[in-house]
Structure formats: structure tokens, C-alpha cells
C-alpha atoms as a PDB file:
ATOM      1  CA  MET A   1     -43.118 -18.684 -46.473  1.00  0.00           C
ATOM      2  CA  GLU A   2     -43.044 -15.555 -44.356  1.00  0.00           C
ATOM      3  CA  THR A   3     -39.701 -14.096 -43.224  1.00  0.00           C
ATOM      4  CA  ASN A   4     -39.375 -12.555 -39.791  1.00  0.00           C
ATOM      5  CA  PRO A   5     -37.056  -9.482 -40.029  1.00  0.00           C
ATOM      6  CA  PHE A   6     -35.836  -9.887 -36.444  1.00  0.00           C
ATOM      7  CA  ILE A   7     -34.746 -13.491 -36.977  1.00  0.00           C
ATOM      8  CA  ALA A   8     -33.172 -12.606 -40.306  1.00  0.00           C
ATOM      9  CA  SER A   9     -31.114  -9.808 -38.719  1.00  0.00           C
ATOM     10  CA  GLN A  10     -29.967 -12.155 -35.917  1.00  0.00           C
ATOM     11  CA  LEU A  11     -28.904 -14.805 -38.424  1.00  0.00           C
ATOM     12  CA  TYR A  12     -27.084 -12.187 -40.479  1.00  0.00           C
ATOM     13  CA  THR A  13     -25.233 -10.905 -37.364  1.00  0.00           C
ATOM     14  CA  ASN A  14     -24.258 -14.481 -36.403  1.00  0.00           C
ATOM     15  CA  ALA A  15     -23.012 -15.164 -39.920  1.00  0.00           C
ATOM     16  CA  GLN A  16     -20.884 -12.028 -39.838  1.00  0.00           C
ATOM     17  CA  ALA A  17     -19.360 -13.001 -36.495  1.00  0.00           C
ATOM     18  CA  ILE A  18     -18.483 -16.449 -37.822  1.00  0.00           C
ATOM     19  CA  ALA A  19     -16.981 -15.086 -41.046  1.00  0.00           C
ATOM     20  CA  ARG A  20     -14.828 -12.350 -39.497  1.00  0.00           C
ATOM     21  CA  PRO A  21     -12.081 -14.532 -37.994  1.00  0.00           C
ATOM     22  CA  ALA A  22     -11.623 -16.326 -41.312  1.00  0.00           C
ATOM     23  CA  GLU A  23     -11.418 -13.002 -43.164  1.00  0.00           C
ATOM     24  CA  ALA A  24      -8.941 -11.608 -40.664  1.00  0.00           C
ATOM     25  CA  ALA A  25      -6.796 -14.716 -40.822  1.00  0.00           C
ATOM     26  CA  ALA A  26      -6.834 -14.745 -44.602  1.00  0.00           C
ATOM     27  CA  GLY A  27      -6.020 -11.052 -44.706  1.00  0.00           C
ATOM     28  CA  SER A  28      -3.136 -11.388 -42.286  1.00  0.00           C
ATOM     29  CA  GLU A  29      -1.774 -14.384 -44.165  1.00  0.00           C
ATOM     30  CA  THR A  30      -1.895 -12.427 -47.391  1.00  0.00           C
ATOM     31  CA  GLY A  31      -0.287  -9.453 -45.707  1.00  0.00           C
ATOM     32  CA  GLN A  32       2.420 -11.646 -44.246  1.00  0.00           C
ATOM     33  CA  ALA A  33       3.054 -13.220 -47.645  1.00  0.00           C
ATOM     34  CA  PHE A  34       3.410  -9.788 -49.289  1.00  0.00           C
ATOM     35  CA  ALA A  35       5.692  -8.628 -46.476  1.00  0.00           C
ATOM     36  CA  ALA A  36       7.892 -11.713 -46.907  1.00  0.00           C
ATOM     37  CA  ILE A  37       8.058 -11.126 -50.650  1.00  0.00           C
ATOM     38  CA  ALA A  38       8.988  -7.464 -50.119  1.00  0.00           C
ATOM     39  CA  ASP A  39      11.660  -8.423 -47.571  1.00  0.00           C
ATOM     40  CA  ASP A  40      13.121 -10.994 -49.984  1.00  0.00           C
ATOM     41  CA  PHE A  41      13.098  -8.431 -52.800  1.00  0.00           C
ATOM     42  CA  MET A  42      14.917  -5.856 -50.674  1.00  0.00           C
ATOM     43  CA  ALA A  43      17.450  -8.450 -49.468  1.00  0.00           C
ATOM     44  CA  THR A  44      18.215  -9.380 -53.078  1.00  0.00           C
ATOM     45  CA  LEU A  45      18.734  -5.747 -54.039  1.00  0.00           C
ATOM     46  CA  ARG A  46      20.948  -5.077 -51.006  1.00  0.00           C
ATOM     47  CA  ALA A  47      23.038  -8.180 -51.708  1.00  0.00           C
ATOM     48  CA  GLY A  48      23.491  -7.107 -55.337  1.00  0.00           C
ATOM     49  CA  GLU A  49      24.467  -3.603 -54.321  1.00  0.00           C
ATOM     50  CA  THR A  50      26.932  -4.844 -51.714  1.00  0.00           C
ATOM     51  CA  THR A  51      28.498  -7.308 -54.144  1.00  0.00           C
ATOM     52  CA  ALA A  52      28.757  -4.643 -56.853  1.00  0.00           C
ATOM     53  CA  MET A  53      30.535  -2.276 -54.454  1.00  0.00           C
ATOM     54  CA  GLU A  54      32.900  -5.066 -53.383  1.00  0.00           C
ATOM     55  CA  GLY A  55      33.560  -5.828 -57.052  1.00  0.00           C
ATOM     56  CA  MET A  56      34.425  -2.179 -57.770  1.00  0.00           C
ATOM     57  CA  ALA A  57      36.777  -2.202 -54.807  1.00  0.00           C
ATOM     58  CA  GLY A  58      38.413  -5.406 -56.108  1.00  0.00           C
ATOM     59  CA  ARG A  59      37.319  -7.607 -53.219  1.00  0.00           C
ATOM     60  CA  ALA A  60      34.872  -9.780 -55.226  1.00  0.00           C
ATOM     61  CA  ASP A  61      35.494 -11.791 -58.361  1.00  0.00           C
ATOM     62  CA  PRO A  62      33.648 -10.774 -61.555  1.00  0.00           C
ATOM     63  CA  GLN A  63      31.566 -13.976 -61.678  1.00  0.00           C
ATOM     64  CA  THR A  64      30.039 -13.225 -58.274  1.00  0.00           C
ATOM     65  CA  VAL A  65      29.298  -9.632 -59.304  1.00  0.00           C
ATOM     66  CA  VAL A  66      27.577 -10.766 -62.510  1.00  0.00           C
ATOM     67  CA  GLU A  67      25.481 -13.351 -60.617  1.00  0.00           C
ATOM     68  CA  ALA A  68      24.427 -10.785 -58.008  1.00  0.00           C
ATOM     69  CA  LEU A  69      23.537  -8.206 -60.663  1.00  0.00           C
ATOM     70  CA  ALA A  70      21.579 -10.817 -62.656  1.00  0.00           C
ATOM     71  CA  ALA A  71      19.605 -11.739 -59.536  1.00  0.00           C
ATOM     72  CA  SER A  72      18.884  -8.057 -58.869  1.00  0.00           C
ATOM     73  CA  GLU A  73      17.790  -7.530 -62.484  1.00  0.00           C
ATOM     74  CA  LEU A  74      15.456 -10.532 -62.301  1.00  0.00           C
ATOM     75  CA  ALA A  75      13.932  -9.267 -59.023  1.00  0.00           C
ATOM     76  CA  ILE A  76      13.326  -5.828 -60.510  1.00  0.00           C
ATOM     77  CA  GLU A  77      11.805  -7.253 -63.706  1.00  0.00           C
ATOM     78  CA  THR A  78       9.505  -9.449 -61.633  1.00  0.00           C
ATOM     79  CA  ALA A  79       8.431  -6.507 -59.458  1.00  0.00           C
ATOM     80  CA  VAL A  80       7.711  -4.407 -62.548  1.00  0.00           C
ATOM     81  CA  ALA A  81       5.703  -7.240 -64.124  1.00  0.00           C
ATOM     82  CA  VAL A  82       3.620  -7.657 -60.956  1.00  0.00           C
ATOM     83  CA  ARG A  83       3.066  -3.900 -60.764  1.00  0.00           C
ATOM     84  CA  ASP A  84       1.947  -3.823 -64.412  1.00  0.00           C
ATOM     85  CA  ARG A  85      -0.539  -6.642 -63.784  1.00  0.00           C
ATOM     86  CA  VAL A  86      -1.948  -4.887 -60.708  1.00  0.00           C
ATOM     87  CA  VAL A  87      -2.374  -1.631 -62.654  1.00  0.00           C
ATOM     88  CA  GLU A  88      -3.983  -3.550 -65.540  1.00  0.00           C
ATOM     89  CA  ALA A  89      -6.418  -5.255 -63.132  1.00  0.00           C
ATOM     90  CA  TYR A  90      -7.250  -1.917 -61.508  1.00  0.00           C
ATOM     91  CA  GLN A  91      -7.934  -0.343 -64.895  1.00  0.00           C
ATOM     92  CA  GLU A  92     -10.122  -3.290 -65.848  1.00  0.00           C
ATOM     93  CA  ILE A  93     -12.134  -2.828 -62.646  1.00  0.00           C
ATOM     94  CA  LEU A  94     -12.575   0.860 -63.446  1.00  0.00           C
ATOM     95  CA  ARG A  95     -13.951  -0.048 -66.895  1.00  0.00           C
ATOM     96  CA  MET A  96     -16.666  -2.273 -65.404  1.00  0.00           C
ATOM     97  CA  PRO A  97     -20.180  -0.861 -65.662  1.00  0.00           C
ATOM     98  CA  VAL A  98     -21.870  -0.050 -62.404  1.00  0.00           C
END
């Protein structure tokens, strides 16, 4: 079967046009998910910091301070674990033969 280069290029262009909106939507959804995670992480850290300052000033009970600091510690440990996995994946990609 003979392939016509003109028809092949038209089909390829059409396929790209069809695939682009899906890629853009998936990319924006992923970006929005990461932004939401980052916002939640920062909110947890701010809440822990605020509660710790209130605890030092004597306006918050020790149980609340410990809970807020534990939540902050868990958020930081999670962020570090995710960062380590991303770095590990990047290094694995660099080790791949080309």
C-alpha cells in the first residue's frame, strides 16, 4: 500500500488539533491540583505558626499547640517525601540510555 505524504501530513495535523484540548485540560487540571496542594500546605504551616505564637503568648492551650505543630510536622515530612521521590525519578530518567 502506497502512502501519500500530503494526506499523511493532513491527518497528522488533524490528530494534533484534536489532541491539544485534551492535553491542555489535563495539564491545567494537574496544575490546579498542585496549586491546591501547595495552598493547603501553606495554610497548614501558617495555622501551626499562628497557634504556636498564641501558645507562647498564653492565649492557646498546650493541646491545641501540640496538635497544630504535629500537623505542620506531618505536612513538612510529606512535602520532603514527595520532593525526594521527584528527585529520584529525575535521576532515574537521567540514567536512561539514549
